[in-house]
Amino acid sequence: MRRRPKFKRIMTPPPMKHIVVVTLIFFIITSIISVVIINNGIKPVLMDIAKTRTEQLANMAIGIAVNKKMAEDLDVDNLIEFEKDEDGNIVHYSFNTVVENRVQRNILNRVENYLNLLEDGVVPDPGVPLDVSTDPESNPSKEEIQKSKDLLQIPIGQVLGIPLLGSLGPKVPVNLDVLGFVSTEVDDKLVEWGYNNAYIIVFVRIKVELSVVIPFASEPISIEQSIPISRTGITGEVPDYIGGNDGEDPTLSIPMDSLKEQTE
């Protein structure tokens, strides 16, 4: 029997259309995986930098808001009321409730106004404070404020931690949102000095809840500050005898008035 001739099958390459489609799908998949890996690696670092920068701006804005025209607007001199005995010595002090409420209200309005400016992307200048009124109704609306889009922009090079690339690469926008209400509380601290002398430090405790927002992520932060707003001294009567030798027997002393009478 004659053998049939064998023919080699020629392998034809796939169409160019299929090659392009497969290559494109492979490129998209690898790109997505790479972006996810890089994003998971730099997102914590980026969030830490964003939180630090946002806290600095918020603390600066709160300090400017409280200290701006404090003596003129908040009437802190009449905040403390003293009660004296028959000899004119101070035996008790308390806060004037009316003035205390006005201080808290004015500080609250001013801090909220400044934080709203930060939320709109306007950063207050510590050297030249923005003229923000204590009355929230007299402040411009968001539409009236010429604002930039983002509060902060952090270069990717800074996130990578390479000094030479610190200012290079695309910039990631950072914004903040005010969560809830700003809380303020007026408190005092009595510090003793010398003999029967003391001074009262009046400070306002401010607490605000913010949210740091970066692309595809956000994280809440809490900022609390205690800012002194008044310092008042109290001078008492110096006693004739001063004891206190760490538990030892007191040293006898002669009153100066009696000594003067004997010498005269």
C-alpha atoms as a PDB file:
ATOM      1  CA  MET A   1       0.000   0.000   0.000  1.00  0.00           C
ATOM      2  CA  ARG A   2       1.167   3.460  -0.780  1.00  0.00           C
ATOM      3  CA  ARG A   3       1.586   5.735   2.141  1.00  0.00           C
ATOM      4  CA  ARG A   4      -0.231   8.979   2.076  1.00  0.00           C
ATOM      5  CA  PRO A   5       2.074  11.950   2.094  1.00  0.00           C
ATOM      6  CA  LYS A   6       2.184  13.844   5.390  1.00  0.00           C
ATOM      7  CA  PHE A   7       1.661  17.580   5.268  1.00  0.00           C
ATOM      8  CA  LYS A   8       2.957  19.853   8.021  1.00  0.00           C
ATOM      9  CA  ARG A   9       0.304  22.131   9.478  1.00  0.00           C
ATOM     10  CA  ILE A  10       1.420  25.715   9.296  1.00  0.00           C
ATOM     11  CA  MET A  11       0.641  27.708  12.509  1.00  0.00           C
ATOM     12  CA  THR A  12      -0.740  31.091  11.611  1.00  0.00           C
ATOM     13  CA  PRO A  13      -0.234  33.926  14.124  1.00  0.00           C
ATOM     14  CA  PRO A  14      -3.346  35.262  15.862  1.00  0.00           C
ATOM     15  CA  PRO A  15      -4.920  38.332  14.414  1.00  0.00           C
ATOM     16  CA  MET A  16      -3.479  41.662  15.458  1.00  0.00           C
ATOM     17  CA  LYS A  17      -6.839  42.626  16.923  1.00  0.00           C
ATOM     18  CA  HIS A  18      -6.661  39.757  19.431  1.00  0.00           C
ATOM     19  CA  ILE A  19      -3.090  40.622  20.402  1.00  0.00           C
ATOM     20  CA  VAL A  20      -4.040  44.226  21.078  1.00  0.00           C
ATOM     21  CA  VAL A  21      -7.065  43.223  23.167  1.00  0.00           C
ATOM     22  CA  VAL A  22      -5.116  40.709  25.272  1.00  0.00           C
ATOM     23  CA  THR A  23      -2.257  43.159  25.780  1.00  0.00           C
ATOM     24  CA  LEU A  24      -4.663  45.909  26.792  1.00  0.00           C
ATOM     25  CA  ILE A  25      -6.462  43.667  29.285  1.00  0.00           C
ATOM     26  CA  PHE A  26      -3.149  42.536  30.792  1.00  0.00           C
ATOM     27  CA  PHE A  27      -1.965  46.141  31.051  1.00  0.00           C
ATOM     28  CA  ILE A  28      -5.172  47.259  32.758  1.00  0.00           C
ATOM     29  CA  ILE A  29      -5.063  44.405  35.282  1.00  0.00           C
ATOM     30  CA  THR A  30      -1.401  44.963  36.166  1.00  0.00           C
ATOM     31  CA  SER A  31      -1.967  48.728  36.408  1.00  0.00           C
ATOM     32  CA  ILE A  32      -4.888  48.284  38.802  1.00  0.00           C
ATOM     33  CA  ILE A  33      -2.890  45.884  40.973  1.00  0.00           C
ATOM     34  CA  SER A  34       0.088  48.267  41.010  1.00  0.00           C
ATOM     35  CA  VAL A  35      -2.085  51.251  41.925  1.00  0.00           C
ATOM     36  CA  VAL A  36      -3.753  49.314  44.760  1.00  0.00           C
ATOM     37  CA  ILE A  37      -0.398  48.191  46.169  1.00  0.00           C
ATOM     38  CA  ILE A  38       1.136  51.677  45.941  1.00  0.00           C
ATOM     39  CA  ASN A  39      -2.003  53.304  47.367  1.00  0.00           C
ATOM     40  CA  ASN A  40      -2.073  50.964  50.366  1.00  0.00           C
ATOM     41  CA  GLY A  41       1.589  51.728  50.964  1.00  0.00           C
ATOM     42  CA  ILE A  42       1.503  55.531  50.802  1.00  0.00           C
ATOM     43  CA  LYS A  43      -2.005  56.208  52.158  1.00  0.00           C
ATOM     44  CA  PRO A  44      -1.043  55.891  55.865  1.00  0.00           C
ATOM     45  CA  VAL A  45       1.985  58.162  55.353  1.00  0.00           C
ATOM     46  CA  LEU A  46      -0.087  60.659  53.387  1.00  0.00           C
ATOM     47  CA  MET A  47      -2.798  60.663  56.053  1.00  0.00           C
ATOM     48  CA  ASP A  48      -0.257  61.259  58.837  1.00  0.00           C
ATOM     49  CA  ILE A  49       1.227  64.234  56.963  1.00  0.00           C
ATOM     50  CA  ALA A  50      -2.235  65.597  56.187  1.00  0.00           C
ATOM     51  CA  LYS A  51      -3.340  65.282  59.834  1.00  0.00           C
ATOM     52  CA  THR A  52      -0.210  67.024  61.106  1.00  0.00           C
ATOM     53  CA  ARG A  53      -0.528  69.922  58.659  1.00  0.00           C
ATOM     54  CA  THR A  54      -4.265  70.266  59.299  1.00  0.00           C
ATOM     55  CA  GLU A  55      -3.794  70.293  63.081  1.00  0.00           C
ATOM     56  CA  GLN A  56      -1.161  73.024  62.735  1.00  0.00           C
ATOM     57  CA  LEU A  57      -3.488  75.205  60.671  1.00  0.00           C
ATOM     58  CA  ALA A  58      -6.476  74.584  62.951  1.00  0.00           C
ATOM     59  CA  ASN A  59      -4.468  75.383  66.101  1.00  0.00           C
ATOM     60  CA  MET A  60      -3.107  78.534  64.485  1.00  0.00           C
ATOM     61  CA  ALA A  61      -6.600  79.628  63.452  1.00  0.00           C
ATOM     62  CA  ILE A  62      -8.004  78.991  66.938  1.00  0.00           C
ATOM     63  CA  GLY A  63      -5.185  80.994  68.528  1.00  0.00           C
ATOM     64  CA  ILE A  64      -5.751  83.910  66.160  1.00  0.00           C
ATOM     65  CA  ALA A  65      -9.503  83.778  66.701  1.00  0.00           C
ATOM     66  CA  VAL A  66      -9.256  83.927  70.497  1.00  0.00           C
ATOM     67  CA  ASN A  67      -6.488  86.519  70.794  1.00  0.00           C
ATOM     68  CA  LYS A  68      -7.846  88.966  68.203  1.00  0.00           C
ATOM     69  CA  LYS A  69      -9.135  92.092  69.985  1.00  0.00           C
ATOM     70  CA  MET A  70      -9.580  90.054  73.176  1.00  0.00           C
ATOM     71  CA  ALA A  71      -9.366  92.992  75.593  1.00  0.00           C
ATOM     72  CA  GLU A  72     -11.863  95.070  73.602  1.00  0.00           C
ATOM     73  CA  ASP A  73     -14.494  92.466  72.792  1.00  0.00           C
ATOM     74  CA  LEU A  74     -14.571  89.922  75.605  1.00  0.00           C
ATOM     75  CA  ASP A  75     -14.565  92.174  78.708  1.00  0.00           C
ATOM     76  CA  VAL A  76     -12.325  89.818  80.673  1.00  0.00           C
ATOM     77  CA  ASP A  77     -11.556  92.446  83.353  1.00  0.00           C
ATOM     78  CA  ASN A  78     -15.111  92.169  84.685  1.00  0.00           C
ATOM     79  CA  LEU A  79     -15.152  88.392  84.447  1.00  0.00           C
ATOM     80  CA  ILE A  80     -14.075  87.788  88.077  1.00  0.00           C
ATOM     81  CA  GLU A  81     -16.043  89.071  91.080  1.00  0.00           C
ATOM     82  CA  PHE A  82     -14.291  89.265  94.473  1.00  0.00           C
ATOM     83  CA  GLU A  83     -15.886  89.025  97.925  1.00  0.00           C
ATOM     84  CA  LYS A  84     -14.043  90.847 100.727  1.00  0.00           C
ATOM     85  CA  ASP A  85     -14.254  90.833 104.514  1.00  0.00           C
ATOM     86  CA  GLU A  86     -14.532  93.851 106.825  1.00  0.00           C
ATOM     87  CA  ASP A  87     -10.785  94.513 106.597  1.00  0.00           C
ATOM     88  CA  GLY A  88     -10.818  94.531 102.809  1.00  0.00           C
ATOM     89  CA  ASN A  89      -9.143  91.140 102.413  1.00  0.00           C
ATOM     90  CA  ILE A  90     -10.335  88.912  99.595  1.00  0.00           C
ATOM     91  CA  VAL A  91     -11.988  85.782 100.966  1.00  0.00           C
ATOM     92  CA  HIS A  92     -13.761  84.451  97.889  1.00  0.00           C
ATOM     93  CA  TYR A  93     -14.032  84.960  94.138  1.00  0.00           C
ATOM     94  CA  SER A  94     -16.382  83.717  91.452  1.00  0.00           C
ATOM     95  CA  PHE A  95     -17.179  84.234  87.778  1.00  0.00           C
ATOM     96  CA  ASN A  96     -19.689  86.825  86.653  1.00  0.00           C
ATOM     97  CA  THR A  97     -22.204  84.573  84.903  1.00  0.00           C
ATOM     98  CA  VAL A  98     -23.309  87.215  82.406  1.00  0.00           C
ATOM     99  CA  VAL A  99     -19.753  88.037  81.354  1.00  0.00           C
ATOM    100  CA  GLU A 100     -18.786  84.351  81.331  1.00  0.00           C
ATOM    101  CA  ASN A 101     -21.620  83.487  78.950  1.00  0.00           C
ATOM    102  CA  ARG A 102     -20.725  86.429  76.708  1.00  0.00           C
ATOM    103  CA  VAL A 103     -17.064  85.378  76.640  1.00  0.00           C
ATOM    104  CA  GLN A 104     -17.965  81.819  75.681  1.00  0.00           C
ATOM    105  CA  ARG A 105     -20.432  82.968  73.029  1.00  0.00           C
ATOM    106  CA  ASN A 106     -18.018  85.437  71.420  1.00  0.00           C
ATOM    107  CA  ILE A 107     -15.125  82.977  71.405  1.00  0.00           C
ATOM    108  CA  LEU A 108     -17.388  80.249  70.032  1.00  0.00           C
ATOM    109  CA  ASN A 109     -18.600  82.454  67.171  1.00  0.00           C
ATOM    110  CA  ARG A 110     -15.092  83.630  66.307  1.00  0.00           C
ATOM    111  CA  VAL A 111     -13.598  80.115  66.320  1.00  0.00           C
ATOM    112  CA  GLU A 112     -16.438  78.771  64.180  1.00  0.00           C
ATOM    113  CA  ASN A 113     -15.953  81.614  61.696  1.00  0.00           C
ATOM    114  CA  TYR A 114     -12.242  80.920  61.371  1.00  0.00           C
ATOM    115  CA  LEU A 115     -12.797  77.179  60.998  1.00  0.00           C
ATOM    116  CA  ASN A 116     -15.372  77.876  58.302  1.00  0.00           C
ATOM    117  CA  LEU A 117     -12.718  79.852  56.437  1.00  0.00           C
ATOM    118  CA  LEU A 118     -10.348  76.895  56.708  1.00  0.00           C
ATOM    119  CA  GLU A 119     -13.126  74.633  55.481  1.00  0.00           C
ATOM    120  CA  ASP A 120     -13.500  76.942  52.467  1.00  0.00           C
ATOM    121  CA  GLY A 121      -9.771  76.727  51.737  1.00  0.00           C
ATOM    122  CA  VAL A 122      -8.847  80.166  53.151  1.00  0.00           C
ATOM    123  CA  VAL A 123      -5.835  80.041  55.503  1.00  0.00           C
ATOM    124  CA  PRO A 124      -5.728  82.916  58.065  1.00  0.00           C
ATOM    125  CA  ASP A 125      -2.439  84.815  58.159  1.00  0.00           C
ATOM    126  CA  PRO A 126      -0.976  84.854  61.704  1.00  0.00           C
ATOM    127  CA  GLY A 127       0.715  88.209  61.057  1.00  0.00           C
ATOM    128  CA  VAL A 128      -2.359  89.977  59.702  1.00  0.00           C
ATOM    129  CA  PRO A 129      -5.494  88.330  61.166  1.00  0.00           C
ATOM    130  CA  LEU A 130      -8.541  88.322  58.945  1.00  0.00           C
ATOM    131  CA  ASP A 131     -11.235  90.708  60.078  1.00  0.00           C
ATOM    132  CA  VAL A 132     -13.883  88.210  61.133  1.00  0.00           C
ATOM    133  CA  SER A 133     -16.818  89.584  63.067  1.00  0.00           C
ATOM    134  CA  THR A 134     -18.052  87.968  66.265  1.00  0.00           C
ATOM    135  CA  ASP A 135     -21.573  88.089  64.840  1.00  0.00           C
ATOM    136  CA  PRO A 136     -22.017  85.108  62.471  1.00  0.00           C
ATOM    137  CA  GLU A 137     -24.832  86.820  60.552  1.00  0.00           C
ATOM    138  CA  SER A 138     -22.548  89.674  59.474  1.00  0.00           C
ATOM    139  CA  ASN A 139     -19.943  87.383  57.903  1.00  0.00           C
ATOM    140  CA  PRO A 140     -19.867  86.757  54.149  1.00  0.00           C
ATOM    141  CA  SER A 141     -21.459  83.623  52.781  1.00  0.00           C
ATOM    142  CA  LYS A 142     -19.475  80.857  51.136  1.00  0.00           C
ATOM    143  CA  GLU A 143     -20.439  82.132  47.700  1.00  0.00           C
ATOM    144  CA  GLU A 144     -19.065  85.594  48.536  1.00  0.00           C
ATOM    145  CA  ILE A 145     -15.658  84.341  49.647  1.00  0.00           C
ATOM    146  CA  GLN A 146     -12.998  84.078  46.991  1.00  0.00           C
ATOM    147  CA  LYS A 147     -11.633  80.727  47.983  1.00  0.00           C
ATOM    148  CA  SER A 148      -9.187  78.242  46.604  1.00  0.00           C
ATOM    149  CA  LYS A 149     -10.277  74.685  45.920  1.00  0.00           C
ATOM    150  CA  ASP A 150      -8.183  72.891  48.496  1.00  0.00           C
ATOM    151  CA  LEU A 151      -6.826  73.781  51.920  1.00  0.00           C
ATOM    152  CA  LEU A 152      -3.521  71.956  51.375  1.00  0.00           C
ATOM    153  CA  GLN A 153      -1.652  70.283  48.548  1.00  0.00           C
ATOM    154  CA  ILE A 154       0.997  67.688  49.443  1.00  0.00           C
ATOM    155  CA  PRO A 155       3.491  66.614  46.728  1.00  0.00           C
ATOM    156  CA  ILE A 156       3.860  62.866  46.225  1.00  0.00           C
ATOM    157  CA  GLY A 157       7.636  63.262  46.538  1.00  0.00           C
ATOM    158  CA  GLN A 158       7.180  64.421  50.128  1.00  0.00           C
ATOM    159  CA  VAL A 159       5.122  61.313  50.896  1.00  0.00           C
ATOM    160  CA  LEU A 160       7.875  59.039  49.564  1.00  0.00           C
ATOM    161  CA  GLY A 161      10.320  60.505  52.086  1.00  0.00           C
ATOM    162  CA  ILE A 162      13.015  61.344  49.522  1.00  0.00           C
ATOM    163  CA  PRO A 163      14.484  64.819  50.242  1.00  0.00           C
ATOM    164  CA  LEU A 164      15.533  65.399  46.627  1.00  0.00           C
ATOM    165  CA  LEU A 165      11.995  64.698  45.430  1.00  0.00           C
ATOM    166  CA  GLY A 166      10.232  66.529  48.264  1.00  0.00           C
ATOM    167  CA  SER A 167       8.575  69.116  46.019  1.00  0.00           C
ATOM    168  CA  LEU A 168       8.209  66.996  42.881  1.00  0.00           C
ATOM    169  CA  GLY A 169       5.407  64.877  41.541  1.00  0.00           C
ATOM    170  CA  PRO A 170       1.653  65.435  41.441  1.00  0.00           C
ATOM    171  CA  LYS A 171       0.096  67.154  44.442  1.00  0.00           C
ATOM    172  CA  VAL A 172      -2.548  65.441  46.544  1.00  0.00           C
ATOM    173  CA  PRO A 173      -5.363  67.765  47.709  1.00  0.00           C
ATOM    174  CA  VAL A 174      -6.204  67.863  51.418  1.00  0.00           C
ATOM    175  CA  ASN A 175      -9.338  69.407  52.933  1.00  0.00           C
ATOM    176  CA  LEU A 176     -11.032  69.471  56.305  1.00  0.00           C
ATOM    177  CA  ASP A 177     -14.639  69.296  57.424  1.00  0.00           C
ATOM    178  CA  VAL A 178     -15.968  70.498  60.773  1.00  0.00           C
ATOM    179  CA  LEU A 179     -17.816  67.694  62.544  1.00  0.00           C
ATOM    180  CA  GLY A 180     -20.494  68.731  65.015  1.00  0.00           C
ATOM    181  CA  PHE A 181     -20.183  71.853  67.156  1.00  0.00           C
ATOM    182  CA  VAL A 182     -17.254  73.696  68.674  1.00  0.00           C
ATOM    183  CA  SER A 183     -17.316  73.495  72.479  1.00  0.00           C
ATOM    184  CA  THR A 184     -15.867  76.201  74.737  1.00  0.00           C
ATOM    185  CA  GLU A 185     -15.491  76.304  78.515  1.00  0.00           C
ATOM    186  CA  VAL A 186     -14.107  79.048  80.748  1.00  0.00           C
ATOM    187  CA  ASP A 187     -12.041  77.755  83.664  1.00  0.00           C
ATOM    188  CA  ASP A 188      -9.553  79.132  86.186  1.00  0.00           C
ATOM    189  CA  LYS A 189      -6.406  78.133  88.039  1.00  0.00           C
ATOM    190  CA  LEU A 190      -5.169  79.584  91.333  1.00  0.00           C
ATOM    191  CA  VAL A 191      -1.371  79.777  91.676  1.00  0.00           C
ATOM    192  CA  GLU A 192       0.128  80.709  95.048  1.00  0.00           C
ATOM    193  CA  TRP A 193       3.321  82.739  95.322  1.00  0.00           C
ATOM    194  CA  GLY A 194       5.094  84.333  98.257  1.00  0.00           C
ATOM    195  CA  TYR A 195       3.208  84.714 101.544  1.00  0.00           C
ATOM    196  CA  ASN A 196      -0.560  85.098 101.250  1.00  0.00           C
ATOM    197  CA  ASN A 197      -0.243  86.104  97.606  1.00  0.00           C
ATOM    198  CA  ALA A 198      -1.691  84.410  94.559  1.00  0.00           C
ATOM    199  CA  TYR A 199      -2.748  85.077  91.013  1.00  0.00           C
ATOM    200  CA  ILE A 200      -5.714  83.738  89.104  1.00  0.00           C
ATOM    201  CA  ILE A 201      -5.253  82.510  85.548  1.00  0.00           C
ATOM    202  CA  VAL A 202      -8.468  82.471  83.536  1.00  0.00           C
ATOM    203  CA  PHE A 203      -8.307  80.361  80.406  1.00  0.00           C
ATOM    204  CA  VAL A 204     -10.750  79.082  77.843  1.00  0.00           C
ATOM    205  CA  ARG A 205     -10.749  75.419  76.877  1.00  0.00           C
ATOM    206  CA  ILE A 206     -11.700  74.883  73.222  1.00  0.00           C
ATOM    207  CA  LYS A 207     -12.474  71.507  71.689  1.00  0.00           C
ATOM    208  CA  VAL A 208     -13.405  70.857  68.082  1.00  0.00           C
ATOM    209  CA  GLU A 209     -13.948  67.711  66.034  1.00  0.00           C
ATOM    210  CA  LEU A 210     -12.588  67.812  62.475  1.00  0.00           C
ATOM    211  CA  SER A 211     -12.307  65.387  59.583  1.00  0.00           C
ATOM    212  CA  VAL A 212      -9.195  65.296  57.380  1.00  0.00           C
ATOM    213  CA  VAL A 213     -10.188  64.471  53.810  1.00  0.00           C
ATOM    214  CA  ILE A 214      -7.827  63.120  51.149  1.00  0.00           C
ATOM    215  CA  PRO A 215      -8.828  61.392  47.889  1.00  0.00           C
ATOM    216  CA  PHE A 216     -10.770  58.199  48.687  1.00  0.00           C
ATOM    217  CA  ALA A 217     -10.107  58.451  52.434  1.00  0.00           C
ATOM    218  CA  SER A 218     -10.993  60.515  55.485  1.00  0.00           C
ATOM    219  CA  GLU A 219     -10.167  60.323  59.171  1.00  0.00           C
ATOM    220  CA  PRO A 220     -11.571  62.248  62.163  1.00  0.00           C
ATOM    221  CA  ILE A 221      -9.285  64.190  64.499  1.00  0.00           C
ATOM    222  CA  SER A 222      -9.937  65.971  67.782  1.00  0.00           C
ATOM    223  CA  ILE A 223      -8.209  69.259  68.639  1.00  0.00           C
ATOM    224  CA  GLU A 224      -8.259  70.713  72.161  1.00  0.00           C
ATOM    225  CA  GLN A 225      -6.560  73.891  73.356  1.00  0.00           C
ATOM    226  CA  SER A 226      -6.424  75.767  76.644  1.00  0.00           C
ATOM    227  CA  ILE A 227      -5.664  79.438  75.980  1.00  0.00           C
ATOM    228  CA  PRO A 228      -5.119  81.951  78.852  1.00  0.00           C
ATOM    229  CA  ILE A 229      -7.271  85.058  78.479  1.00  0.00           C
ATOM    230  CA  SER A 230      -6.747  86.844  81.814  1.00  0.00           C
ATOM    231  CA  ARG A 231      -4.336  86.967  84.745  1.00  0.00           C
ATOM    232  CA  THR A 232      -5.279  88.688  88.018  1.00  0.00           C
ATOM    233  CA  GLY A 233      -3.105  89.067  91.126  1.00  0.00           C
ATOM    234  CA  ILE A 234      -4.339  88.843  94.731  1.00  0.00           C
ATOM    235  CA  THR A 235      -2.248  90.367  97.526  1.00  0.00           C
ATOM    236  CA  GLY A 236      -2.958  89.284 101.094  1.00  0.00           C
ATOM    237  CA  GLU A 237      -1.733  90.502 104.473  1.00  0.00           C
ATOM    238  CA  VAL A 238       1.771  89.348 105.443  1.00  0.00           C
ATOM    239  CA  PRO A 239       1.687  87.573 108.867  1.00  0.00           C
ATOM    240  CA  ASP A 240       3.882  88.644 111.790  1.00  0.00           C
ATOM    241  CA  TYR A 241       5.107  85.083 112.328  1.00  0.00           C
ATOM    242  CA  ILE A 242       6.150  82.732 109.541  1.00  0.00           C
ATOM    243  CA  GLY A 243       6.760  79.125 110.503  1.00  0.00           C
ATOM    244  CA  GLY A 244       7.459  75.932 108.672  1.00  0.00           C
ATOM    245  CA  ASN A 245      10.817  74.202 109.236  1.00  0.00           C
ATOM    246  CA  ASP A 246       9.989  70.829 107.674  1.00  0.00           C
ATOM    247  CA  GLY A 247       8.431  69.455 110.837  1.00  0.00           C
ATOM    248  CA  GLU A 248      11.114  70.784 113.221  1.00  0.00           C
ATOM    249  CA  ASP A 249      10.479  73.036 116.180  1.00  0.00           C
ATOM    250  CA  PRO A 250       9.621  76.573 115.051  1.00  0.00           C
ATOM    251  CA  THR A 251      12.220  79.284 115.493  1.00  0.00           C
ATOM    252  CA  LEU A 252      11.134  81.956 117.939  1.00  0.00           C
ATOM    253  CA  SER A 253      10.987  85.460 116.526  1.00  0.00           C
ATOM    254  CA  ILE A 254      10.177  88.883 117.891  1.00  0.00           C
ATOM    255  CA  PRO A 255       7.525  90.985 116.121  1.00  0.00           C
ATOM    256  CA  MET A 256       9.039  94.031 114.430  1.00  0.00           C
ATOM    257  CA  ASP A 257       6.378  96.346 115.907  1.00  0.00           C
ATOM    258  CA  SER A 258       7.313  95.371 119.480  1.00  0.00           C
ATOM    259  CA  LEU A 259      11.010  95.786 118.734  1.00  0.00           C
ATOM    260  CA  LYS A 260      10.438  99.282 117.361  1.00  0.00           C
ATOM    261  CA  GLU A 261       8.447 100.304 120.449  1.00  0.00           C
ATOM    262  CA  GLN A 262      11.259  99.133 122.750  1.00  0.00           C
ATOM    263  CA  THR A 263      13.945 100.992 120.816  1.00  0.00           C
ATOM    264  CA  GLU A 264      11.926 104.186 120.841  1.00  0.00           C
END
